Amino acid sequence: MAKLTVIGSVVLLASGFAMIVVQAYSINAGILNAISTKFGNTWILRMIECAVLLGISLITYYKVRNSKSLAPRGLVISLFFIGVAILATTSLISHGAATGQMIPLTLDFIHNIAASLWIGGIFYVALIILPNLKQAVNDTANISSISIIIPRFSILVITIL
């Protein structure tokens, strides 16, 4: 899983560069002009956070790879909080931020958290739960478990989002 964190961090960092290029194009300006806007200031903060995320991800990956153990708790907690900080910058450059009011910004942040939990849950079901269910001895228990997990997970997400 540490390898996926590194891959995700690289993708996030690369998408950040694409984000500023698209923003510059949309305002018909150069990249330096786009960086000098409020969006650009938030983008700089986001890119710093993404670089920190990549650094912590690499440290975690090498520690796990070399010791063949679980990632240290402090690094996992750091990954969590830097991820939340990156989500906050997503809200700061969203449509909700254009209003200048706190309520739309907060609602957008809550929406982003819920969407992240949902996507993470899908990965968890696909990469952890389903492979373990395939190893189950009883096929009936396997099908029953899936038929319980998927609808409950979906209802929870539909309610939140």
N, C-alpha and C. Protein backbone atom coordinates (compact mmCIF):
# COMPACT_ATOMS: atom_id res chain seq x y z
N MET A 1 0.81 -1.20 0.00
CA MET A 1 0.00 0.00 0.00
C MET A 1 0.86 1.27 0.00
N ALA A 2 2.06 1.17 0.55
CA ALA A 2 2.93 2.35 0.56
C ALA A 2 3.31 2.75 -0.86
N LYS A 3 3.43 1.77 -1.75
CA LYS A 3 3.75 2.07 -3.14
C LYS A 3 2.61 2.86 -3.79
N LEU A 4 1.36 2.50 -3.47
CA LEU A 4 0.21 3.23 -4.00
C LEU A 4 0.20 4.68 -3.50
N THR A 5 0.64 4.89 -2.27
CA THR A 5 0.70 6.24 -1.72
C THR A 5 1.71 7.09 -2.49
N VAL A 6 2.84 6.50 -2.82
CA VAL A 6 3.85 7.22 -3.60
C VAL A 6 3.31 7.54 -4.99
N ILE A 7 2.68 6.56 -5.62
CA ILE A 7 2.11 6.77 -6.96
C ILE A 7 1.04 7.87 -6.91
N GLY A 8 0.17 7.81 -5.92
CA GLY A 8 -0.86 8.83 -5.77
C GLY A 8 -0.27 10.21 -5.55
N SER A 9 0.80 10.28 -4.78
CA SER A 9 1.46 11.57 -4.52
C SER A 9 2.06 12.15 -5.79
N VAL A 10 2.67 11.30 -6.60
CA VAL A 10 3.25 11.76 -7.87
C VAL A 10 2.15 12.25 -8.81
N VAL A 11 1.05 11.50 -8.89
CA VAL A 11 -0.08 11.91 -9.73
C VAL A 11 -0.64 13.24 -9.26
N LEU A 12 -0.78 13.41 -7.95
CA LEU A 12 -1.31 14.65 -7.39
C LEU A 12 -0.39 15.83 -7.71
N LEU A 13 0.90 15.62 -7.58
CA LEU A 13 1.87 16.68 -7.89
C LEU A 13 1.82 17.03 -9.38
N ALA A 14 1.77 16.02 -10.23
CA ALA A 14 1.70 16.27 -11.68
C ALA A 14 0.41 16.98 -12.06
N SER A 15 -0.69 16.58 -11.44
CA SER A 15 -1.97 17.23 -11.75
C SER A 15 -1.97 18.68 -11.28
N GLY A 16 -1.21 18.98 -10.25
CA GLY A 16 -1.08 20.36 -9.80
C GLY A 16 -0.44 21.25 -10.85
N PHE A 17 0.59 20.72 -11.52
CA PHE A 17 1.21 21.49 -12.60
C PHE A 17 0.24 21.68 -13.76
N ALA A 18 -0.51 20.64 -14.06
CA ALA A 18 -1.52 20.76 -15.13
C ALA A 18 -2.58 21.79 -14.74
N MET A 19 -2.91 21.84 -13.45
CA MET A 19 -3.94 22.76 -12.96
C MET A 19 -3.55 24.22 -13.23
N ILE A 20 -2.30 24.59 -12.97
CA ILE A 20 -1.91 25.98 -13.16
C ILE A 20 -1.81 26.32 -14.65
N VAL A 21 -1.44 25.34 -15.47
CA VAL A 21 -1.40 25.57 -16.92
C VAL A 21 -2.81 25.83 -17.44
N VAL A 22 -3.76 25.02 -17.02
CA VAL A 22 -5.15 25.19 -17.45
C VAL A 22 -5.70 26.53 -16.95
N GLN A 23 -5.38 26.89 -15.72
CA GLN A 23 -5.85 28.16 -15.17
C GLN A 23 -5.28 29.33 -15.97
N ALA A 24 -3.99 29.26 -16.29
CA ALA A 24 -3.37 30.33 -17.08
C ALA A 24 -4.03 30.44 -18.45
N TYR A 25 -4.29 29.31 -19.06
CA TYR A 25 -4.95 29.30 -20.37
C TYR A 25 -6.36 29.88 -20.27
N SER A 26 -7.08 29.54 -19.20
CA SER A 26 -8.47 29.99 -19.07
C SER A 26 -8.59 31.50 -18.86
N ILE A 27 -7.56 32.11 -18.28
CA ILE A 27 -7.59 33.57 -18.11
C ILE A 27 -6.78 34.28 -19.19
N ASN A 28 -6.32 33.50 -20.18
CA ASN A 28 -5.57 34.03 -21.31
C ASN A 28 -4.34 34.80 -20.84
N ALA A 29 -3.58 34.15 -19.98
CA ALA A 29 -2.39 34.79 -19.41
C ALA A 29 -1.27 33.76 -19.32
N GLY A 30 -0.11 34.22 -18.92
CA GLY A 30 1.01 33.32 -18.71
C GLY A 30 0.92 32.65 -17.35
N ILE A 31 1.75 31.65 -17.17
CA ILE A 31 1.74 30.91 -15.91
C ILE A 31 2.13 31.82 -14.74
N LEU A 32 3.11 32.69 -14.94
CA LEU A 32 3.51 33.59 -13.85
C LEU A 32 2.38 34.54 -13.47
N ASN A 33 1.61 34.99 -14.45
CA ASN A 33 0.45 35.83 -14.15
C ASN A 33 -0.60 35.05 -13.37
N ALA A 34 -0.81 33.79 -13.73
CA ALA A 34 -1.79 32.96 -13.02
C ALA A 34 -1.35 32.71 -11.59
N ILE A 35 -0.04 32.56 -11.39
CA ILE A 35 0.47 32.32 -10.04
C ILE A 35 0.30 33.56 -9.17
N SER A 36 0.28 34.75 -9.77
CA SER A 36 0.16 35.99 -8.98
C SER A 36 -1.28 36.29 -8.55
N THR A 37 -2.23 35.42 -8.87
CA THR A 37 -3.63 35.60 -8.46
C THR A 37 -3.89 34.91 -7.13
N LYS A 38 -5.10 35.10 -6.60
CA LYS A 38 -5.50 34.40 -5.37
C LYS A 38 -5.45 32.88 -5.61
N PHE A 39 -5.92 32.46 -6.78
CA PHE A 39 -5.83 31.05 -7.15
C PHE A 39 -4.38 30.59 -7.11
N GLY A 40 -3.49 31.40 -7.68
CA GLY A 40 -2.07 31.05 -7.72
C GLY A 40 -1.45 30.93 -6.35
N ASN A 41 -1.83 31.83 -5.44
CA ASN A 41 -1.31 31.74 -4.07
C ASN A 41 -1.75 30.44 -3.40
N THR A 42 -3.01 30.07 -3.61
CA THR A 42 -3.50 28.81 -3.05
C THR A 42 -2.82 27.64 -3.75
N TRP A 43 -2.57 27.77 -5.04
CA TRP A 43 -1.89 26.73 -5.80
C TRP A 43 -0.48 26.50 -5.26
N ILE A 44 0.23 27.59 -4.94
CA ILE A 44 1.58 27.46 -4.39
C ILE A 44 1.53 26.68 -3.07
N LEU A 45 0.60 27.04 -2.21
CA LEU A 45 0.43 26.32 -0.94
C LEU A 45 0.14 24.85 -1.21
N ARG A 46 -0.74 24.58 -2.16
CA ARG A 46 -1.11 23.20 -2.51
C ARG A 46 0.11 22.42 -3.01
N MET A 47 0.92 23.05 -3.85
CA MET A 47 2.09 22.36 -4.39
C MET A 47 3.13 22.07 -3.30
N ILE A 48 3.27 22.99 -2.35
CA ILE A 48 4.17 22.74 -1.22
C ILE A 48 3.65 21.55 -0.42
N GLU A 49 2.35 21.53 -0.16
CA GLU A 49 1.74 20.41 0.57
C GLU A 49 1.91 19.11 -0.21
N CYS A 50 1.75 19.16 -1.53
CA CYS A 50 1.91 17.95 -2.35
C CYS A 50 3.36 17.44 -2.31
N ALA A 51 4.31 18.37 -2.31
CA ALA A 51 5.72 17.97 -2.22
C ALA A 51 6.01 17.33 -0.86
N VAL A 52 5.45 17.89 0.20
CA VAL A 52 5.60 17.30 1.53
C VAL A 52 4.97 15.91 1.56
N LEU A 53 3.78 15.79 0.97
CA LEU A 53 3.11 14.49 0.90
C LEU A 53 3.97 13.47 0.17
N LEU A 54 4.56 13.87 -0.94
CA LEU A 54 5.44 12.96 -1.69
C LEU A 54 6.64 12.56 -0.84
N GLY A 55 7.23 13.52 -0.14
CA GLY A 55 8.38 13.21 0.72
C GLY A 55 8.03 12.22 1.82
N ILE A 56 6.92 12.46 2.50
CA ILE A 56 6.49 11.55 3.57
C ILE A 56 6.13 10.19 2.99
N SER A 57 5.52 10.18 1.81
CA SER A 57 5.17 8.92 1.15
C SER A 57 6.42 8.10 0.82
N LEU A 58 7.45 8.77 0.32
CA LEU A 58 8.70 8.08 -0.01
C LEU A 58 9.37 7.54 1.25
N ILE A 59 9.39 8.33 2.30
CA ILE A 59 9.97 7.87 3.57
C ILE A 59 9.22 6.64 4.06
N THR A 60 7.89 6.72 4.02
CA THR A 60 7.07 5.59 4.47
C THR A 60 7.33 4.36 3.61
N TYR A 61 7.39 4.55 2.31
CA TYR A 61 7.63 3.43 1.39
C TYR A 61 8.96 2.74 1.71
N TYR A 62 10.03 3.52 1.88
CA TYR A 62 11.34 2.92 2.14
C TYR A 62 11.41 2.26 3.51
N LYS A 63 10.75 2.84 4.50
CA LYS A 63 10.73 2.21 5.83
C LYS A 63 10.00 0.88 5.78
N VAL A 64 8.86 0.85 5.09
CA VAL A 64 8.08 -0.39 5.00
C VAL A 64 8.82 -1.42 4.16
N ARG A 65 9.42 -0.99 3.07
CA ARG A 65 10.12 -1.92 2.18
C ARG A 65 11.34 -2.53 2.85
N ASN A 66 12.09 -1.72 3.59
CA ASN A 66 13.31 -2.21 4.22
C ASN A 66 13.06 -3.04 5.47
N SER A 67 12.00 -2.74 6.20
CA SER A 67 11.76 -3.46 7.46
C SER A 67 10.71 -4.55 7.32
N LYS A 68 10.00 -4.58 6.20
CA LYS A 68 8.93 -5.57 5.97
C LYS A 68 7.89 -5.55 7.08
N SER A 69 7.63 -4.37 7.63
CA SER A 69 6.63 -4.24 8.69
C SER A 69 5.63 -3.16 8.29
N LEU A 70 4.72 -2.89 9.19
CA LEU A 70 3.73 -1.84 8.96
C LEU A 70 4.39 -0.47 9.01
N ALA A 71 3.76 0.49 8.37
CA ALA A 71 4.27 1.86 8.39
C ALA A 71 4.19 2.41 9.81
N PRO A 72 5.20 3.16 10.23
CA PRO A 72 5.16 3.77 11.56
C PRO A 72 3.94 4.67 11.73
N ARG A 73 3.35 4.63 12.91
CA ARG A 73 2.13 5.37 13.20
C ARG A 73 2.28 6.87 12.93
N GLY A 74 3.40 7.44 13.31
CA GLY A 74 3.61 8.87 13.11
C GLY A 74 3.58 9.26 11.64
N LEU A 75 4.14 8.42 10.79
CA LEU A 75 4.12 8.72 9.35
C LEU A 75 2.72 8.59 8.78
N VAL A 76 1.97 7.60 9.24
CA VAL A 76 0.59 7.43 8.76
C VAL A 76 -0.26 8.62 9.18
N ILE A 77 -0.09 9.07 10.41
CA ILE A 77 -0.84 10.24 10.89
C ILE A 77 -0.43 11.48 10.10
N SER A 78 0.85 11.61 9.80
CA SER A 78 1.32 12.74 8.98
C SER A 78 0.70 12.71 7.59
N LEU A 79 0.64 11.52 6.99
CA LEU A 79 0.01 11.38 5.67
C LEU A 79 -1.45 11.80 5.72
N PHE A 80 -2.14 11.41 6.79
CA PHE A 80 -3.55 11.76 6.93
C PHE A 80 -3.73 13.28 7.00
N PHE A 81 -2.98 13.93 7.87
CA PHE A 81 -3.17 15.37 8.06
C PHE A 81 -2.73 16.19 6.84
N ILE A 82 -1.68 15.77 6.17
CA ILE A 82 -1.29 16.51 4.96
C ILE A 82 -2.32 16.29 3.86
N GLY A 83 -2.92 15.11 3.83
CA GLY A 83 -4.00 14.85 2.87
C GLY A 83 -5.20 15.75 3.12
N VAL A 84 -5.56 15.92 4.38
CA VAL A 84 -6.67 16.81 4.74
C VAL A 84 -6.32 18.26 4.37
N ALA A 85 -5.08 18.64 4.58
CA ALA A 85 -4.66 20.00 4.22
C ALA A 85 -4.74 20.22 2.71
N ILE A 86 -4.39 19.21 1.94
CA ILE A 86 -4.51 19.32 0.47
C ILE A 86 -5.97 19.42 0.07
N LEU A 87 -6.83 18.65 0.74
CA LEU A 87 -8.27 18.77 0.47
C LEU A 87 -8.78 20.18 0.78
N ALA A 88 -8.22 20.79 1.81
CA ALA A 88 -8.63 22.15 2.16
C ALA A 88 -8.29 23.12 1.03
N THR A 89 -7.13 22.92 0.39
CA THR A 89 -6.80 23.82 -0.72
C THR A 89 -7.72 23.59 -1.91
N THR A 90 -8.22 22.36 -2.06
CA THR A 90 -9.20 22.10 -3.11
C THR A 90 -10.44 22.94 -2.88
N SER A 91 -10.88 23.02 -1.64
CA SER A 91 -12.05 23.83 -1.31
C SER A 91 -11.76 25.32 -1.48
N LEU A 92 -10.53 25.73 -1.20
CA LEU A 92 -10.18 27.15 -1.30
C LEU A 92 -10.14 27.65 -2.74
N ILE A 93 -10.08 26.74 -3.72
CA ILE A 93 -10.09 27.16 -5.12
C ILE A 93 -11.34 26.66 -5.85
N SER A 94 -12.35 26.28 -5.08
CA SER A 94 -13.58 25.74 -5.66
C SER A 94 -14.59 26.86 -5.94
N HIS A 95 -15.74 26.45 -6.47
CA HIS A 95 -16.82 27.40 -6.71
C HIS A 95 -17.32 28.01 -5.40
N GLY A 96 -17.32 27.22 -4.34
CA GLY A 96 -17.77 27.72 -3.04
C GLY A 96 -16.91 28.87 -2.54
N ALA A 97 -15.62 28.85 -2.88
CA ALA A 97 -14.72 29.92 -2.45
C ALA A 97 -15.01 31.22 -3.18
N ALA A 98 -15.59 31.13 -4.35
CA ALA A 98 -15.89 32.34 -5.14
C ALA A 98 -16.92 33.23 -4.46
N THR A 99 -17.74 32.66 -3.59
CA THR A 99 -18.76 33.46 -2.91
C THR A 99 -18.17 34.34 -1.82
N GLY A 100 -17.01 33.95 -1.30
CA GLY A 100 -16.41 34.70 -0.21
C GLY A 100 -17.06 34.44 1.13
N GLN A 101 -17.98 33.49 1.19
CA GLN A 101 -18.67 33.16 2.44
C GLN A 101 -18.13 31.85 3.00
N MET A 102 -18.23 31.71 4.31
CA MET A 102 -17.67 30.54 4.99
C MET A 102 -18.54 29.29 4.82
N ILE A 103 -19.86 29.43 4.79
CA ILE A 103 -20.74 28.26 4.74
C ILE A 103 -20.53 27.45 3.45
N PRO A 104 -20.54 28.06 2.26
CA PRO A 104 -20.29 27.26 1.05
C PRO A 104 -18.91 26.60 1.04
N LEU A 105 -17.93 27.32 1.58
CA LEU A 105 -16.58 26.78 1.66
C LEU A 105 -16.52 25.56 2.58
N THR A 106 -17.18 25.67 3.72
CA THR A 106 -17.22 24.56 4.68
C THR A 106 -17.97 23.37 4.11
N LEU A 107 -19.09 23.63 3.45
CA LEU A 107 -19.87 22.54 2.84
C LEU A 107 -19.06 21.85 1.74
N ASP A 108 -18.32 22.62 0.97
CA ASP A 108 -17.49 22.02 -0.07
C ASP A 108 -16.41 21.15 0.56
N PHE A 109 -15.82 21.60 1.65
CA PHE A 109 -14.79 20.82 2.34
C PHE A 109 -15.37 19.52 2.87
N ILE A 110 -16.55 19.58 3.49
CA ILE A 110 -17.21 18.37 4.00
C ILE A 110 -17.53 17.42 2.84
N HIS A 111 -17.99 17.98 1.73
CA HIS A 111 -18.28 17.17 0.54
C HIS A 111 -17.00 16.47 0.05
N ASN A 112 -15.90 17.20 0.02
CA ASN A 112 -14.62 16.61 -0.42
C ASN A 112 -14.15 15.51 0.52
N ILE A 113 -14.32 15.71 1.82
CA ILE A 113 -13.96 14.67 2.79
C ILE A 113 -14.81 13.42 2.55
N ALA A 114 -16.12 13.61 2.40
CA ALA A 114 -17.03 12.47 2.19
C ALA A 114 -16.69 11.75 0.89
N ALA A 115 -16.42 12.49 -0.17
CA ALA A 115 -16.07 11.87 -1.45
C ALA A 115 -14.76 11.10 -1.33
N SER A 116 -13.81 11.63 -0.60
CA SER A 116 -12.53 10.95 -0.40
C SER A 116 -12.71 9.65 0.38
N LEU A 117 -13.54 9.70 1.41
CA LEU A 117 -13.82 8.49 2.18
C LEU A 117 -14.51 7.44 1.31
N TRP A 118 -15.41 7.89 0.46
CA TRP A 118 -16.12 6.97 -0.43
C TRP A 118 -15.14 6.31 -1.41
N ILE A 119 -14.31 7.11 -2.06
CA ILE A 119 -13.35 6.56 -3.02
C ILE A 119 -12.36 5.65 -2.30
N GLY A 120 -11.90 6.07 -1.14
CA GLY A 120 -11.01 5.21 -0.35
C GLY A 120 -11.69 3.91 0.05
N GLY A 121 -12.98 4.00 0.37
CA GLY A 121 -13.74 2.80 0.72
C GLY A 121 -13.87 1.85 -0.45
N ILE A 122 -14.05 2.40 -1.65
CA ILE A 122 -14.12 1.55 -2.84
C ILE A 122 -12.79 0.82 -3.05
N PHE A 123 -11.69 1.53 -2.89
CA PHE A 123 -10.39 0.88 -3.01
C PHE A 123 -10.20 -0.19 -1.93
N TYR A 124 -10.65 0.10 -0.72
CA TYR A 124 -10.54 -0.86 0.38
C TYR A 124 -11.34 -2.12 0.07
N VAL A 125 -12.56 -1.93 -0.40
CA VAL A 125 -13.40 -3.09 -0.76
C VAL A 125 -12.73 -3.88 -1.88
N ALA A 126 -12.24 -3.19 -2.90
CA ALA A 126 -11.66 -3.87 -4.06
C ALA A 126 -10.33 -4.56 -3.76
N LEU A 127 -9.49 -3.91 -2.97
CA LEU A 127 -8.13 -4.42 -2.76
C LEU A 127 -7.95 -5.26 -1.49
N ILE A 128 -8.84 -5.10 -0.52
CA ILE A 128 -8.67 -5.82 0.75
C ILE A 128 -9.81 -6.82 0.98
N ILE A 129 -11.03 -6.34 0.97
CA ILE A 129 -12.16 -7.20 1.33
C ILE A 129 -12.41 -8.28 0.28
N LEU A 130 -12.53 -7.90 -0.98
CA LEU A 130 -12.85 -8.89 -2.02
C LEU A 130 -11.79 -9.99 -2.15
N PRO A 131 -10.49 -9.67 -2.15
CA PRO A 131 -9.50 -10.76 -2.20
C PRO A 131 -9.60 -11.70 -1.00
N ASN A 132 -9.90 -11.15 0.18
CA ASN A 132 -10.04 -12.01 1.36
C ASN A 132 -11.30 -12.85 1.28
N LEU A 133 -12.37 -12.31 0.71
CA LEU A 133 -13.59 -13.09 0.55
C LEU A 133 -13.40 -14.23 -0.45
N LYS A 134 -12.55 -14.02 -1.45
CA LYS A 134 -12.29 -15.08 -2.43
C LYS A 134 -11.63 -16.29 -1.77
N GLN A 135 -10.91 -16.05 -0.68
CA GLN A 135 -10.25 -17.13 0.03
C GLN A 135 -11.20 -17.86 0.98
N ALA A 136 -12.42 -17.35 1.12
CA ALA A 136 -13.39 -17.99 2.01
C ALA A 136 -13.70 -19.39 1.49
N VAL A 137 -13.88 -20.30 2.42
CA VAL A 137 -14.15 -21.69 2.08
C VAL A 137 -15.55 -21.85 1.50
N ASN A 138 -16.50 -21.13 2.06
CA ASN A 138 -17.91 -21.29 1.71
C ASN A 138 -18.32 -20.21 0.71
N ASP A 139 -18.69 -20.63 -0.51
CA ASP A 139 -19.11 -19.67 -1.53
C ASP A 139 -20.38 -18.93 -1.14
N THR A 140 -21.26 -19.58 -0.40
CA THR A 140 -22.50 -18.94 0.03
C THR A 140 -22.19 -17.78 0.97
N ALA A 141 -21.25 -17.99 1.89
CA ALA A 141 -20.84 -16.92 2.80
C ALA A 141 -20.19 -15.78 2.03
N ASN A 142 -19.44 -16.13 1.01
CA ASN A 142 -18.78 -15.14 0.17
C ASN A 142 -19.81 -14.23 -0.50
N ILE A 143 -20.80 -14.82 -1.14
CA ILE A 143 -21.85 -14.06 -1.83
C ILE A 143 -22.69 -13.27 -0.84
N SER A 144 -23.00 -13.87 0.30
CA SER A 144 -23.79 -13.18 1.32
C SER A 144 -23.06 -11.95 1.84
N SER A 145 -21.77 -12.09 2.06
CA SER A 145 -20.99 -10.96 2.57
C SER A 145 -20.98 -9.81 1.57
N ILE A 146 -20.76 -10.13 0.31
CA ILE A 146 -20.74 -9.08 -0.72
C ILE A 146 -22.11 -8.41 -0.83
N SER A 147 -23.17 -9.22 -0.77
CA SER A 147 -24.52 -8.65 -0.91
C SER A 147 -24.90 -7.78 0.29
N ILE A 148 -24.23 -7.93 1.40
CA ILE A 148 -24.47 -7.07 2.57
C ILE A 148 -23.59 -5.82 2.51
N ILE A 149 -22.33 -5.99 2.15
CA ILE A 149 -21.36 -4.88 2.17
C ILE A 149 -21.70 -3.80 1.15
N ILE A 150 -21.91 -4.18 -0.09
CA ILE A 150 -22.09 -3.20 -1.17
C ILE A 150 -23.30 -2.29 -0.95
N PRO A 151 -24.51 -2.82 -0.70
CA PRO A 151 -25.66 -1.91 -0.53
C PRO A 151 -25.52 -0.99 0.69
N ARG A 152 -24.99 -1.51 1.78
CA ARG A 152 -24.83 -0.66 2.98
C ARG A 152 -23.82 0.44 2.73
N PHE A 153 -22.75 0.11 2.08
CA PHE A 153 -21.73 1.10 1.75
C PHE A 153 -22.32 2.16 0.82
N SER A 154 -23.08 1.74 -0.17
CA SER A 154 -23.69 2.67 -1.13
C SER A 154 -24.71 3.58 -0.47
N ILE A 155 -25.54 3.05 0.42
CA ILE A 155 -26.55 3.87 1.11
C ILE A 155 -25.87 4.92 1.98
N LEU A 156 -24.83 4.53 2.67
CA LEU A 156 -24.09 5.47 3.51
C LEU A 156 -23.55 6.62 2.67
N VAL A 157 -22.99 6.31 1.53
CA VAL A 157 -22.39 7.33 0.68
C VAL A 157 -23.45 8.23 0.07
N ILE A 158 -24.54 7.66 -0.41
CA ILE A 158 -25.61 8.46 -1.00
C ILE A 158 -26.18 9.44 0.03
N THR A 159 -26.29 9.00 1.26
CA THR A 159 -26.79 9.86 2.33
C THR A 159 -25.84 11.03 2.59
N ILE A 160 -24.55 10.76 2.61
CA ILE A 160 -23.56 11.79 2.92
C ILE A 160 -23.38 12.76 1.76
N LEU A 161 -23.29 12.22 0.55
CA LEU A 161 -23.02 13.09 -0.60
C LEU A 161 -24.29 13.74 -1.09
